[in-house]
PDB file of N, CA and C in Angstrom:
ATOM      1  N   MET A   1      36.646  11.135  57.620  1.00  0.00           N
ATOM      2  CA  MET A   1      37.940  11.280  57.012  1.00  0.00           C
ATOM      3  C   MET A   1      38.997  10.751  57.976  1.00  0.00           C
ATOM      4  N   SER A   2      40.016  10.118  57.430  1.00  0.00           N
ATOM      5  CA  SER A   2      41.071   9.573  58.269  1.00  0.00           C
ATOM      6  C   SER A   2      42.082  10.658  58.611  1.00  0.00           C
ATOM      7  N   ASN A   3      42.920  10.377  59.581  1.00  0.00           N
ATOM      8  CA  ASN A   3      43.972  11.310  59.957  1.00  0.00           C
ATOM      9  C   ASN A   3      44.994  11.410  58.834  1.00  0.00           C
ATOM     10  N   ILE A   4      45.476  12.611  58.608  1.00  0.00           N
ATOM     11  CA  ILE A   4      46.476  12.845  57.562  1.00  0.00           C
ATOM     12  C   ILE A   4      47.778  13.195  58.258  1.00  0.00           C
ATOM     13  N   PRO A   5      48.811  12.369  58.072  1.00  0.00           N
ATOM     14  CA  PRO A   5      50.096  12.682  58.703  1.00  0.00           C
ATOM     15  C   PRO A   5      50.728  13.911  58.038  1.00  0.00           C
ATOM     16  N   PHE A   6      51.621  14.563  58.762  1.00  0.00           N
ATOM     17  CA  PHE A   6      52.325  15.720  58.205  1.00  0.00           C
ATOM     18  C   PHE A   6      53.017  15.329  56.917  1.00  0.00           C
ATOM     19  N   GLN A   7      52.881  16.184  55.924  1.00  0.00           N
ATOM     20  CA  GLN A   7      53.604  15.974  54.678  1.00  0.00           C
ATOM     21  C   GLN A   7      53.713  17.280  53.920  1.00  0.00           C
ATOM     22  N   ALA A   8      54.831  17.466  53.274  1.00  0.00           N
ATOM     23  CA  ALA A   8      55.038  18.631  52.418  1.00  0.00           C
ATOM     24  C   ALA A   8      54.722  18.201  50.994  1.00  0.00           C
ATOM     25  N   ILE A   9      54.122  19.103  50.230  1.00  0.00           N
ATOM     26  CA  ILE A   9      53.788  18.813  48.839  1.00  0.00           C
ATOM     27  C   ILE A   9      54.735  19.605  47.947  1.00  0.00           C
ATOM     28  N   ASN A  10      55.533  18.909  47.182  1.00  0.00           N
ATOM     29  CA  ASN A  10      56.404  19.548  46.191  1.00  0.00           C
ATOM     30  C   ASN A  10      55.661  19.488  44.860  1.00  0.00           C
ATOM     31  N   TRP A  11      55.003  20.582  44.499  1.00  0.00           N
ATOM     32  CA  TRP A  11      54.172  20.604  43.299  1.00  0.00           C
ATOM     33  C   TRP A  11      54.987  20.330  42.032  1.00  0.00           C
ATOM     34  N   ASP A  12      56.287  20.567  42.060  1.00  0.00           N
ATOM     35  CA  ASP A  12      57.130  20.287  40.891  1.00  0.00           C
ATOM     36  C   ASP A  12      57.189  18.795  40.585  1.00  0.00           C
ATOM     37  N   LYS A  13      56.862  17.969  41.564  1.00  0.00           N
ATOM     38  CA  LYS A  13      56.929  16.509  41.378  1.00  0.00           C
ATOM     39  C   LYS A  13      55.557  15.879  41.148  1.00  0.00           C
ATOM     40  N   ILE A  14      54.497  16.678  41.122  1.00  0.00           N
ATOM     41  CA  ILE A  14      53.141  16.157  40.941  1.00  0.00           C
ATOM     42  C   ILE A  14      52.775  16.208  39.458  1.00  0.00           C
ATOM     43  N   GLU A  15      52.302  15.077  38.944  1.00  0.00           N
ATOM     44  CA  GLU A  15      51.913  14.978  37.541  1.00  0.00           C
ATOM     45  C   GLU A  15      50.892  16.051  37.175  1.00  0.00           C
ATOM     46  N   ARG A  16      51.038  16.595  35.989  1.00  0.00           N
ATOM     47  CA  ARG A  16      50.135  17.632  35.475  1.00  0.00           C
ATOM     48  C   ARG A  16      49.243  17.016  34.405  1.00  0.00           C
ATOM     49  N   THR A  17      47.932  17.164  34.568  1.00  0.00           N
ATOM     50  CA  THR A  17      46.986  16.644  33.583  1.00  0.00           C
ATOM     51  C   THR A  17      46.299  17.817  32.895  1.00  0.00           C
ATOM     52  N   GLU A  18      45.869  17.582  31.676  1.00  0.00           N
ATOM     53  CA  GLU A  18      45.269  18.625  30.843  1.00  0.00           C
ATOM     54  C   GLU A  18      43.780  18.383  30.687  1.00  0.00           C
ATOM     55  N   HIS A  19      42.990  19.459  30.834  1.00  0.00           N
ATOM     56  CA  HIS A  19      41.537  19.364  30.730  1.00  0.00           C
ATOM     57  C   HIS A  19      41.042  20.505  29.852  1.00  0.00           C
ATOM     58  N   ARG A  20      40.492  20.178  28.705  1.00  0.00           N
ATOM     59  CA  ARG A  20      40.006  21.193  27.771  1.00  0.00           C
ATOM     60  C   ARG A  20      38.750  21.857  28.307  1.00  0.00           C
ATOM     61  N   GLY A  21      38.663  23.154  28.126  1.00  0.00           N
ATOM     62  CA  GLY A  21      37.465  23.894  28.471  1.00  0.00           C
ATOM     63  C   GLY A  21      36.634  24.128  27.225  1.00  0.00           C
ATOM     64  N   GLU A  22      35.557  24.880  27.377  1.00  0.00           N
ATOM     65  CA  GLU A  22      34.787  25.326  26.211  1.00  0.00           C
ATOM     66  C   GLU A  22      35.734  26.086  25.286  1.00  0.00           C
ATOM     67  N   THR A  23      36.561  26.935  25.890  1.00  0.00           N
ATOM     68  CA  THR A  23      37.720  27.530  25.230  1.00  0.00           C
ATOM     69  C   THR A  23      38.871  27.447  26.218  1.00  0.00           C
ATOM     70  N   GLY A  24      40.082  27.373  25.727  1.00  0.00           N
ATOM     71  CA  GLY A  24      41.257  27.299  26.589  1.00  0.00           C
ATOM     72  C   GLY A  24      41.426  25.945  27.252  1.00  0.00           C
ATOM     73  N   THR A  25      42.403  25.887  28.152  1.00  0.00           N
ATOM     74  CA  THR A  25      42.777  24.627  28.788  1.00  0.00           C
ATOM     75  C   THR A  25      43.042  24.836  30.272  1.00  0.00           C
ATOM     76  N   ALA A  26      42.669  23.839  31.076  1.00  0.00           N
ATOM     77  CA  ALA A  26      43.004  23.812  32.503  1.00  0.00           C
ATOM     78  C   ALA A  26      44.067  22.740  32.711  1.00  0.00           C
ATOM     79  N   TYR A  27      45.054  23.066  33.521  1.00  0.00           N
ATOM     80  CA  TYR A  27      46.117  22.124  33.871  1.00  0.00           C
ATOM     81  C   TYR A  27      46.015  21.861  35.365  1.00  0.00           C
ATOM     82  N   TRP A  28      45.831  20.600  35.728  1.00  0.00           N
ATOM     83  CA  TRP A  28      45.637  20.213  37.125  1.00  0.00           C
ATOM     84  C   TRP A  28      46.838  19.430  37.625  1.00  0.00           C
ATOM     85  N   GLN A  29      47.218  19.702  38.873  1.00  0.00           N
ATOM     86  CA  GLN A  29      48.105  18.839  39.640  1.00  0.00           C
ATOM     87  C   GLN A  29      47.305  18.471  40.876  1.00  0.00           C
ATOM     88  N   THR A  30      47.104  17.172  41.093  1.00  0.00           N
ATOM     89  CA  THR A  30      46.131  16.714  42.086  1.00  0.00           C
ATOM     90  C   THR A  30      46.754  15.790  43.120  1.00  0.00           C
ATOM     91  N   ILE A  31      46.409  16.053  44.378  1.00  0.00           N
ATOM     92  CA  ILE A  31      46.729  15.166  45.496  1.00  0.00           C
ATOM     93  C   ILE A  31      45.399  14.684  46.065  1.00  0.00           C
ATOM     94  N   GLN A  32      45.234  13.370  46.213  1.00  0.00           N
ATOM     95  CA  GLN A  32      44.019  12.801  46.799  1.00  0.00           C
ATOM     96  C   GLN A  32      44.394  12.138  48.111  1.00  0.00           C
ATOM     97  N   LEU A  33      43.786  12.597  49.197  1.00  0.00           N
ATOM     98  CA  LEU A  33      44.030  12.046  50.529  1.00  0.00           C
ATOM     99  C   LEU A  33      42.698  11.599  51.095  1.00  0.00           C
ATOM    100  N   GLY A  34      42.317  10.356  50.836  1.00  0.00           N
ATOM    101  CA  GLY A  34      41.008   9.875  51.252  1.00  0.00           C
ATOM    102  C   GLY A  34      39.932  10.723  50.595  1.00  0.00           C
ATOM    103  N   GLY A  35      39.042  11.296  51.398  1.00  0.00           N
ATOM    104  CA  GLY A  35      37.957  12.121  50.875  1.00  0.00           C
ATOM    105  C   GLY A  35      38.336  13.583  50.684  1.00  0.00           C
ATOM    106  N   LEU A  36      39.627  13.894  50.698  1.00  0.00           N
ATOM    107  CA  LEU A  36      40.111  15.259  50.524  1.00  0.00           C
ATOM    108  C   LEU A  36      40.921  15.345  49.229  1.00  0.00           C
ATOM    109  N   ARG A  37      40.555  16.318  48.369  1.00  0.00           N
ATOM    110  CA  ARG A  37      41.301  16.525  47.131  1.00  0.00           C
ATOM    111  C   ARG A  37      41.905  17.932  47.167  1.00  0.00           C
ATOM    112  N   ILE A  38      43.206  18.021  46.896  1.00  0.00           N
ATOM    113  CA  ILE A  38      43.915  19.292  46.832  1.00  0.00           C
ATOM    114  C   ILE A  38      44.489  19.410  45.425  1.00  0.00           C
ATOM    115  N   ARG A  39      44.167  20.531  44.764  1.00  0.00           N
ATOM    116  CA  ARG A  39      44.652  20.716  43.394  1.00  0.00           C
ATOM    117  C   ARG A  39      45.296  22.085  43.224  1.00  0.00           C
ATOM    118  N   LYS A  40      46.378  22.114  42.494  1.00  0.00           N
ATOM    119  CA  LYS A  40      46.912  23.354  41.969  1.00  0.00           C
ATOM    120  C   LYS A  40      46.465  23.380  40.514  1.00  0.00           C
ATOM    121  N   VAL A  41      45.743  24.426  40.137  1.00  0.00           N
ATOM    122  CA  VAL A  41      45.121  24.484  38.811  1.00  0.00           C
ATOM    123  C   VAL A  41      45.542  25.768  38.116  1.00  0.00           C
ATOM    124  N   ILE A  42      45.917  25.627  36.858  1.00  0.00           N
ATOM    125  CA  ILE A  42      46.227  26.782  36.018  1.00  0.00           C
ATOM    126  C   ILE A  42      45.235  26.794  34.871  1.00  0.00           C
ATOM    127  N   TYR A  43      44.540  27.920  34.694  1.00  0.00           N
ATOM    128  CA  TYR A  43      43.680  28.123  33.538  1.00  0.00           C
ATOM    129  C   TYR A  43      44.441  28.976  32.545  1.00  0.00           C
ATOM    130  N   SER A  44      44.442  28.565  31.288  1.00  0.00           N
ATOM    131  CA  SER A  44      45.108  29.330  30.238  1.00  0.00           C
ATOM    132  C   SER A  44      44.353  30.621  29.961  1.00  0.00           C
ATOM    133  N   GLU A  45      44.942  31.469  29.148  1.00  0.00           N
ATOM    134  CA  GLU A  45      44.230  32.655  28.671  1.00  0.00           C
ATOM    135  C   GLU A  45      42.981  32.210  27.930  1.00  0.00           C
ATOM    136  N   ASN A  46      41.938  33.010  28.027  1.00  0.00           N
ATOM    137  CA  ASN A  46      40.662  32.752  27.340  1.00  0.00           C
ATOM    138  C   ASN A  46      40.012  31.432  27.753  1.00  0.00           C
ATOM    139  N   TYR A  47      40.234  31.015  29.010  1.00  0.00           N
ATOM    140  CA  TYR A  47      39.626  29.775  29.501  1.00  0.00           C
ATOM    141  C   TYR A  47      38.181  30.022  29.921  1.00  0.00           C
ATOM    142  N   VAL A  48      37.301  29.152  29.453  1.00  0.00           N
ATOM    143  CA  VAL A  48      35.912  29.099  29.913  1.00  0.00           C
ATOM    144  C   VAL A  48      35.611  27.630  30.187  1.00  0.00           C
ATOM    145  N   ALA A  49      35.176  27.309  31.399  1.00  0.00           N
ATOM    146  CA  ALA A  49      34.855  25.917  31.750  1.00  0.00           C
ATOM    147  C   ALA A  49      33.783  25.370  30.817  1.00  0.00           C
ATOM    148  N   ASP A  50      33.860  24.092  30.549  1.00  0.00           N
ATOM    149  CA  ASP A  50      32.928  23.458  29.611  1.00  0.00           C
ATOM    150  C   ASP A  50      31.693  22.875  30.295  1.00  0.00           C
ATOM    151  N   HIS A  51      31.502  23.187  31.582  1.00  0.00           N
ATOM    152  CA  HIS A  51      30.350  22.654  32.320  1.00  0.00           C
ATOM    153  C   HIS A  51      30.012  23.567  33.495  1.00  0.00           C
ATOM    154  N   TRP A  52      28.802  23.434  34.002  1.00  0.00           N
ATOM    155  CA  TRP A  52      28.382  24.088  35.242  1.00  0.00           C
ATOM    156  C   TRP A  52      28.636  23.095  36.358  1.00  0.00           C
ATOM    157  N   CYS A  53      29.301  23.534  37.398  1.00  0.00           N
ATOM    158  CA  CYS A  53      29.706  22.661  38.495  1.00  0.00           C
ATOM    159  C   CYS A  53      28.834  22.915  39.718  1.00  0.00           C
ATOM    160  N   GLN A  54      28.383  21.847  40.360  1.00  0.00           N
ATOM    161  CA  GLN A  54      27.618  21.962  41.593  1.00  0.00           C
ATOM    162  C   GLN A  54      28.429  21.505  42.809  1.00  0.00           C
ATOM    163  N   LYS A  55      29.668  21.120  42.584  1.00  0.00           N
ATOM    164  CA  LYS A  55      30.523  20.618  43.662  1.00  0.00           C
ATOM    165  C   LYS A  55      30.987  21.763  44.556  1.00  0.00           C
ATOM    166  N   GLY A  56      31.158  21.481  45.828  1.00  0.00           N
ATOM    167  CA  GLY A  56      31.697  22.461  46.761  1.00  0.00           C
ATOM    168  C   GLY A  56      33.205  22.577  46.622  1.00  0.00           C
ATOM    169  N   HIS A  57      33.714  23.768  46.871  1.00  0.00           N
ATOM    170  CA  HIS A  57      35.159  24.028  46.775  1.00  0.00           C
ATOM    171  C   HIS A  57      35.569  25.116  47.754  1.00  0.00           C
ATOM    172  N   ILE A  58      36.834  25.105  48.077  1.00  0.00           N
ATOM    173  CA  ILE A  58      37.532  26.274  48.596  1.00  0.00           C
ATOM    174  C   ILE A  58      38.530  26.616  47.506  1.00  0.00           C
ATOM    175  N   VAL A  59      38.410  27.802  46.936  1.00  0.00           N
ATOM    176  CA  VAL A  59      39.257  28.206  45.811  1.00  0.00           C
ATOM    177  C   VAL A  59      40.025  29.455  46.209  1.00  0.00           C
ATOM    178  N   HIS A  60      41.355  29.363  46.183  1.00  0.00           N
ATOM    179  CA  HIS A  60      42.215  30.498  46.522  1.00  0.00           C
ATOM    180  C   HIS A  60      43.033  30.886  45.295  1.00  0.00           C
ATOM    181  N   CYS A  61      42.983  32.156  44.951  1.00  0.00           N
ATOM    182  CA  CYS A  61      43.684  32.670  43.778  1.00  0.00           C
ATOM    183  C   CYS A  61      45.136  32.978  44.146  1.00  0.00           C
ATOM    184  N   LEU A  62      46.059  32.232  43.542  1.00  0.00           N
ATOM    185  CA  LEU A  62      47.486  32.412  43.808  1.00  0.00           C
ATOM    186  C   LEU A  62      48.104  33.498  42.935  1.00  0.00           C
ATOM    187  N   GLU A  63      47.700  33.552  41.670  1.00  0.00           N
ATOM    188  CA  GLU A  63      48.235  34.525  40.707  1.00  0.00           C
ATOM    189  C   GLU A  63      47.151  34.848  39.691  1.00  0.00           C
ATOM    190  N   GLY A  64      47.092  36.094  39.258  1.00  0.00           N
ATOM    191  CA  GLY A  64      46.153  36.486  38.213  1.00  0.00           C
ATOM    192  C   GLY A  64      44.775  36.791  38.760  1.00  0.00           C
ATOM    193  N   ASP A  65      43.786  36.655  37.891  1.00  0.00           N
ATOM    194  CA  ASP A  65      42.398  36.899  38.273  1.00  0.00           C
ATOM    195  C   ASP A  65      41.478  36.081  37.387  1.00  0.00           C
ATOM    196  N   PHE A  66      40.249  35.890  37.865  1.00  0.00           N
ATOM    197  CA  PHE A  66      39.265  35.120  37.109  1.00  0.00           C
ATOM    198  C   PHE A  66      37.872  35.504  37.579  1.00  0.00           C
ATOM    199  N   ILE A  67      36.886  35.025  36.840  1.00  0.00           N
ATOM    200  CA  ILE A  67      35.483  35.241  37.179  1.00  0.00           C
ATOM    201  C   ILE A  67      34.874  33.902  37.551  1.00  0.00           C
ATOM    202  N   SER A  68      34.152  33.884  38.663  1.00  0.00           N
ATOM    203  CA  SER A  68      33.311  32.740  38.985  1.00  0.00           C
ATOM    204  C   SER A  68      31.895  33.154  38.591  1.00  0.00           C
ATOM    205  N   GLU A  69      31.372  32.498  37.570  1.00  0.00           N
ATOM    206  CA  GLU A  69      30.058  32.839  37.037  1.00  0.00           C
ATOM    207  C   GLU A  69      29.025  31.837  37.515  1.00  0.00           C
ATOM    208  N   MET A  70      27.893  32.338  38.008  1.00  0.00           N
ATOM    209  CA  MET A  70      26.787  31.479  38.406  1.00  0.00           C
ATOM    210  C   MET A  70      25.884  31.250  37.200  1.00  0.00           C
ATOM    211  N   GLU A  71      25.204  30.126  37.187  1.00  0.00           N
ATOM    212  CA  GLU A  71      24.295  29.814  36.087  1.00  0.00           C
ATOM    213  C   GLU A  71      23.180  30.856  35.974  1.00  0.00           C
ATOM    214  N   THR A  72      22.925  31.576  37.063  1.00  0.00           N
ATOM    215  CA  THR A  72      21.914  32.640  37.067  1.00  0.00           C
ATOM    216  C   THR A  72      22.396  33.893  36.336  1.00  0.00           C
ATOM    217  N   GLY A  73      23.697  33.940  36.001  1.00  0.00           N
ATOM    218  CA  GLY A  73      24.269  35.105  35.330  1.00  0.00           C
ATOM    219  C   GLY A  73      25.092  35.988  36.252  1.00  0.00           C
ATOM    220  N   GLU A  74      24.943  35.818  37.562  1.00  0.00           N
ATOM    221  CA  GLU A  74      25.732  36.598  38.522  1.00  0.00           C
ATOM    222  C   GLU A  74      27.212  36.248  38.370  1.00  0.00           C
ATOM    223  N   GLN A  75      28.085  37.252  38.475  1.00  0.00           N
ATOM    224  CA  GLN A  75      29.516  37.031  38.355  1.00  0.00           C
ATOM    225  C   GLN A  75      30.247  37.620  39.550  1.00  0.00           C
ATOM    226  N   THR A  76      31.273  36.911  40.012  1.00  0.00           N
ATOM    227  CA  THR A  76      32.142  37.390  41.077  1.00  0.00           C
ATOM    228  C   THR A  76      33.564  37.395  40.551  1.00  0.00           C
ATOM    229  N   ASN A  77      34.213  38.557  40.618  1.00  0.00           N
ATOM    230  CA  ASN A  77      35.609  38.680  40.197  1.00  0.00           C
ATOM    231  C   ASN A  77      36.511  38.373  41.376  1.00  0.00           C
ATOM    232  N   LEU A  78      37.470  37.493  41.162  1.00  0.00           N
ATOM    233  CA  LEU A  78      38.438  37.157  42.197  1.00  0.00           C
ATOM    234  C   LEU A  78      39.840  37.397  41.647  1.00  0.00           C
ATOM    235  N   SER A  79      40.700  37.976  42.472  1.00  0.00           N
ATOM    236  CA  SER A  79      42.073  38.244  42.065  1.00  0.00           C
ATOM    237  C   SER A  79      43.036  37.699  43.106  1.00  0.00           C
ATOM    238  N   LYS A  80      44.329  37.823  42.820  1.00  0.00           N
ATOM    239  CA  LYS A  80      45.376  37.284  43.685  1.00  0.00           C
ATOM    240  C   LYS A  80      45.100  37.610  45.152  1.00  0.00           C
ATOM    241  N   GLY A  81      45.132  36.563  45.984  1.00  0.00           N
ATOM    242  CA  GLY A  81      44.923  36.712  47.412  1.00  0.00           C
ATOM    243  C   GLY A  81      43.485  36.526  47.864  1.00  0.00           C
ATOM    244  N   MET A  82      42.543  36.454  46.911  1.00  0.00           N
ATOM    245  CA  MET A  82      41.126  36.275  47.267  1.00  0.00           C
ATOM    246  C   MET A  82      40.765  34.790  47.253  1.00  0.00           C
ATOM    247  N   THR A  83      39.713  34.450  48.014  1.00  0.00           N
ATOM    248  CA  THR A  83      39.250  33.071  48.158  1.00  0.00           C
ATOM    249  C   THR A  83      37.731  33.046  48.103  1.00  0.00           C
ATOM    250  N   TYR A  84      37.184  31.976  47.520  1.00  0.00           N
ATOM    251  CA  TYR A  84      35.748  31.743  47.696  1.00  0.00           C
ATOM    252  C   TYR A  84      35.534  30.342  48.231  1.00  0.00           C
ATOM    253  N   VAL A  85      34.399  30.161  48.898  1.00  0.00           N
ATOM    254  CA  VAL A  85      34.042  28.863  49.454  1.00  0.00           C
ATOM    255  C   VAL A  85      32.562  28.629  49.212  1.00  0.00           C
ATOM    256  N   VAL A  86      32.203  27.391  48.882  1.00  0.00           N
ATOM    257  CA  VAL A  86      30.801  27.000  48.700  1.00  0.00           C
ATOM    258  C   VAL A  86      30.695  25.502  48.962  1.00  0.00           C
ATOM    259  N   SER A  87      29.597  25.086  49.545  1.00  0.00           N
ATOM    260  CA  SER A  87      29.342  23.662  49.787  1.00  0.00           C
ATOM    261  C   SER A  87      28.698  23.018  48.569  1.00  0.00           C
ATOM    262  N   ASP A  88      28.732  21.680  48.527  1.00  0.00           N
ATOM    263  CA  ASP A  88      28.112  20.924  47.439  1.00  0.00           C
ATOM    264  C   ASP A  88      26.660  21.337  47.263  1.00  0.00           C
ATOM    265  N   ASP A  89      26.229  21.427  46.013  1.00  0.00           N
ATOM    266  CA  ASP A  89      24.832  21.633  45.621  1.00  0.00           C
ATOM    267  C   ASP A  89      24.227  22.962  46.073  1.00  0.00           C
ATOM    268  N   LEU A  90      25.066  23.962  46.435  1.00  0.00           N
ATOM    269  CA  LEU A  90      24.532  25.265  46.830  1.00  0.00           C
ATOM    270  C   LEU A  90      24.700  26.329  45.744  1.00  0.00           C
ATOM    271  N   SER A  91      25.335  25.972  44.643  1.00  0.00           N
ATOM    272  CA  SER A  91      25.421  26.873  43.495  1.00  0.00           C
ATOM    273  C   SER A  91      25.751  26.048  42.264  1.00  0.00           C
ATOM    274  N   SER A  92      25.473  26.639  41.122  1.00  0.00           N
ATOM    275  CA  SER A  92      25.890  26.072  39.843  1.00  0.00           C
ATOM    276  C   SER A  92      26.810  27.117  39.237  1.00  0.00           C
ATOM    277  N   HIS A  93      28.107  26.816  39.198  1.00  0.00           N
ATOM    278  CA  HIS A  93      29.109  27.811  38.854  1.00  0.00           C
ATOM    279  C   HIS A  93      30.104  27.277  37.832  1.00  0.00           C
ATOM    280  N   ARG A  94      30.815  28.219  37.184  1.00  0.00           N
ATOM    281  CA  ARG A  94      31.907  27.855  36.300  1.00  0.00           C
ATOM    282  C   ARG A  94      32.940  28.978  36.328  1.00  0.00           C
ATOM    283  N   SER A  95      34.156  28.652  35.910  1.00  0.00           N
ATOM    284  CA  SER A  95      35.242  29.621  35.925  1.00  0.00           C
ATOM    285  C   SER A  95      35.519  30.155  34.533  1.00  0.00           C
ATOM    286  N   ILE A  96      35.890  31.449  34.495  1.00  0.00           N
ATOM    287  CA  ILE A  96      36.275  32.123  33.264  1.00  0.00           C
ATOM    288  C   ILE A  96      37.558  32.896  33.561  1.00  0.00           C
ATOM    289  N   ALA A  97      38.583  32.699  32.744  1.00  0.00           N
ATOM    290  CA  ALA A  97      39.861  33.385  32.964  1.00  0.00           C
ATOM    291  C   ALA A  97      40.336  34.000  31.653  1.00  0.00           C
ATOM    292  N   ALA A  98      40.129  35.291  31.506  1.00  0.00           N
ATOM    293  CA  ALA A  98      40.530  35.981  30.272  1.00  0.00           C
ATOM    294  C   ALA A  98      42.045  36.003  30.097  1.00  0.00           C
ATOM    295  N   ASN A  99      42.772  36.223  31.191  1.00  0.00           N
ATOM    296  CA  ASN A  99      44.219  36.388  31.112  1.00  0.00           C
ATOM    297  C   ASN A  99      45.011  35.234  31.706  1.00  0.00           C
ATOM    298  N   GLY A 100      44.336  34.156  32.059  1.00  0.00           N
ATOM    299  CA  GLY A 100      44.992  33.043  32.734  1.00  0.00           C
ATOM    300  C   GLY A 100      45.047  33.294  34.229  1.00  0.00           C
ATOM    301  N   VAL A 101      45.142  32.219  34.997  1.00  0.00           N
ATOM    302  CA  VAL A 101      45.136  32.329  36.463  1.00  0.00           C
ATOM    303  C   VAL A 101      45.718  31.048  37.053  1.00  0.00           C
ATOM    304  N   GLU A 102      46.266  31.151  38.271  1.00  0.00           N
ATOM    305  CA  GLU A 102      46.750  29.997  39.023  1.00  0.00           C
ATOM    306  C   GLU A 102      45.986  29.933  40.336  1.00  0.00           C
ATOM    307  N   LEU A 103      45.406  28.771  40.624  1.00  0.00           N
ATOM    308  CA  LEU A 103      44.529  28.594  41.781  1.00  0.00           C
ATOM    309  C   LEU A 103      44.967  27.417  42.634  1.00  0.00           C
ATOM    310  N   LEU A 104      44.636  27.470  43.923  1.00  0.00           N
ATOM    311  CA  LEU A 104      44.702  26.319  44.804  1.00  0.00           C
ATOM    312  C   LEU A 104      43.261  25.978  45.137  1.00  0.00           C
ATOM    313  N   ILE A 105      42.843  24.753  44.809  1.00  0.00           N
ATOM    314  CA  ILE A 105      41.456  24.341  44.995  1.00  0.00           C
ATOM    315  C   ILE A 105      41.422  23.130  45.936  1.00  0.00           C
ATOM    316  N   ILE A 106      40.618  23.238  46.982  1.00  0.00           N
ATOM    317  CA  ILE A 106      40.466  22.166  47.964  1.00  0.00           C
ATOM    318  C   ILE A 106      38.994  21.787  47.999  1.00  0.00           C
ATOM    319  N   ASP A 107      38.722  20.501  47.878  1.00  0.00           N
ATOM    320  CA  ASP A 107      37.345  20.033  47.985  1.00  0.00           C
ATOM    321  C   ASP A 107      37.340  18.623  48.541  1.00  0.00           C
ATOM    322  N   GLY A 108      36.144  18.148  48.823  1.00  0.00           N
ATOM    323  CA  GLY A 108      36.042  16.799  49.367  1.00  0.00           C
ATOM    324  C   GLY A 108      34.800  16.601  50.194  1.00  0.00           C
ATOM    325  N   ASP A 109      34.794  15.484  50.894  1.00  0.00           N
ATOM    326  CA  ASP A 109      33.624  15.057  51.652  1.00  0.00           C
ATOM    327  C   ASP A 109      33.167  16.072  52.702  1.00  0.00           C
ATOM    328  N   PHE A 110      34.076  16.874  53.221  1.00  0.00           N
ATOM    329  CA  PHE A 110      33.723  17.821  54.286  1.00  0.00           C
ATOM    330  C   PHE A 110      32.833  18.961  53.789  1.00  0.00           C
ATOM    331  N   LEU A 111      32.639  19.106  52.494  1.00  0.00           N
ATOM    332  CA  LEU A 111      31.794  20.171  51.942  1.00  0.00           C
ATOM    333  C   LEU A 111      30.396  19.696  51.572  1.00  0.00           C
ATOM    334  N   LYS A 112      30.043  18.478  51.963  1.00  0.00           N
ATOM    335  CA  LYS A 112      28.709  17.945  51.670  1.00  0.00           C
ATOM    336  C   LYS A 112      27.691  18.525  52.603  1.00  0.00           C
TER     337      LYS A 112
END
């Protein structure tokens, strides 16, 4: 990964994209810095991801709460102030947000 110079991110100026889930919608604001991706993500009420993800992430809950569900059926509840971390290919997971949630998600080459 290359060096990243100091920079402040004004999320109000970052384009918001919409991603439909199995139910509900995810709204992403994404910054890509070489092999590093930083996203502010909002899941609507009744959001269920439409796929099982094997990608590594650092996920920090900014507001609300959600469930990280493993394909094995195991569930972890995360609420405001909690974080989870996993490397690529070490779990098959998806997010479920009954009441909506706001997350900061960081992923990239360093999680391989």
